[in-house]
């Protein structure tokens, strides 16, 4: 079984619009998710 997780991060300032910050964090998450698709997978084997 394989499981993965992605999270987005955006900076929130005193004048930031909460909706815009959520959009930026969401976009960052999908960028990272796309990057992970092209990374080699490491498989751990127990003995």
C-alpha atoms as a PDB file:
ATOM      1  CA  UNK A   1       0.000   0.000   0.000  1.00  0.00           C
ATOM      2  CA  UNK A   2       1.245   3.471  -0.828  1.00  0.00           C
ATOM      3  CA  UNK A   3       0.061   6.698   0.746  1.00  0.00           C
ATOM      4  CA  UNK A   4       1.066  10.293   0.136  1.00  0.00           C
ATOM      5  CA  UNK A   5       0.157  13.738   1.319  1.00  0.00           C
ATOM      6  CA  UNK A   6       0.636  17.265   0.024  1.00  0.00           C
ATOM      7  CA  UNK A   7       0.271  20.566   1.815  1.00  0.00           C
ATOM      8  CA  UNK A   8       0.378  24.133   0.567  1.00  0.00           C
ATOM      9  CA  UNK A   9       1.875  27.069   2.435  1.00  0.00           C
ATOM     10  CA  UNK A  10       1.244  30.771   1.921  1.00  0.00           C
ATOM     11  CA  UNK A  11       2.308  33.748   3.995  1.00  0.00           C
ATOM     12  CA  UNK A  12      -0.431  35.705   5.725  1.00  0.00           C
ATOM     13  CA  UNK A  13       0.185  39.379   6.463  1.00  0.00           C
ATOM     14  CA  UNK A  14      -1.902  41.917   8.363  1.00  0.00           C
ATOM     15  CA  UNK A  15      -3.551  43.159   5.142  1.00  0.00           C
ATOM     16  CA  UNK A  16      -3.936  39.726   3.507  1.00  0.00           C
ATOM     17  CA  UNK A  17      -7.277  38.581   2.173  1.00  0.00           C
ATOM     18  CA  UNK A  18      -8.049  35.152   3.687  1.00  0.00           C
ATOM     19  CA  UNK A  19      -9.605  33.835   0.466  1.00  0.00           C
ATOM     20  CA  UNK A  20      -6.580  34.853  -1.586  1.00  0.00           C
ATOM     21  CA  UNK A  21      -4.207  33.227   0.913  1.00  0.00           C
ATOM     22  CA  UNK A  22      -6.178  29.972   0.694  1.00  0.00           C
ATOM     23  CA  UNK A  23      -6.023  30.118  -3.116  1.00  0.00           C
ATOM     24  CA  UNK A  24      -2.229  30.579  -2.980  1.00  0.00           C
ATOM     25  CA  UNK A  25      -1.795  27.697  -0.524  1.00  0.00           C
ATOM     26  CA  UNK A  26      -4.001  25.479  -2.700  1.00  0.00           C
ATOM     27  CA  UNK A  27      -1.988  26.370  -5.808  1.00  0.00           C
ATOM     28  CA  UNK A  28       1.281  25.633  -3.961  1.00  0.00           C
ATOM     29  CA  UNK A  29      -0.065  22.224  -2.950  1.00  0.00           C
ATOM     30  CA  UNK A  30      -0.898  21.284  -6.539  1.00  0.00           C
ATOM     31  CA  UNK A  31       2.527  22.462  -7.761  1.00  0.00           C
ATOM     32  CA  UNK A  32       4.214  20.217  -5.194  1.00  0.00           C
ATOM     33  CA  UNK A  33       1.908  17.332  -6.068  1.00  0.00           C
ATOM     34  CA  UNK A  34       2.905  17.633  -9.738  1.00  0.00           C
ATOM     35  CA  UNK A  35       6.589  17.750  -8.779  1.00  0.00           C
ATOM     36  CA  UNK A  36       6.235  14.571  -6.713  1.00  0.00           C
ATOM     37  CA  UNK A  37       4.847  12.679  -9.698  1.00  0.00           C
ATOM     38  CA  UNK A  38       8.218  13.084 -11.407  1.00  0.00           C
ATOM     39  CA  UNK A  39      10.409  12.088  -8.445  1.00  0.00           C
ATOM     40  CA  UNK A  40      11.753   8.545  -8.141  1.00  0.00           C
ATOM     41  CA  UNK A  41      10.017   6.507  -5.471  1.00  0.00           C
ATOM     42  CA  UNK A  42      11.985   4.962  -2.634  1.00  0.00           C
ATOM     43  CA  UNK A  43      10.820   1.539  -1.622  1.00  0.00           C
ATOM     44  CA  UNK A  44      11.645   0.276   1.874  1.00  0.00           C
ATOM     45  CA  UNK A  45      12.070  -3.460   2.180  1.00  0.00           C
ATOM     46  CA  UNK A  46      11.901  -5.103   5.586  1.00  0.00           C
ATOM     47  CA  UNK A  47      13.896  -8.243   6.265  1.00  0.00           C
END
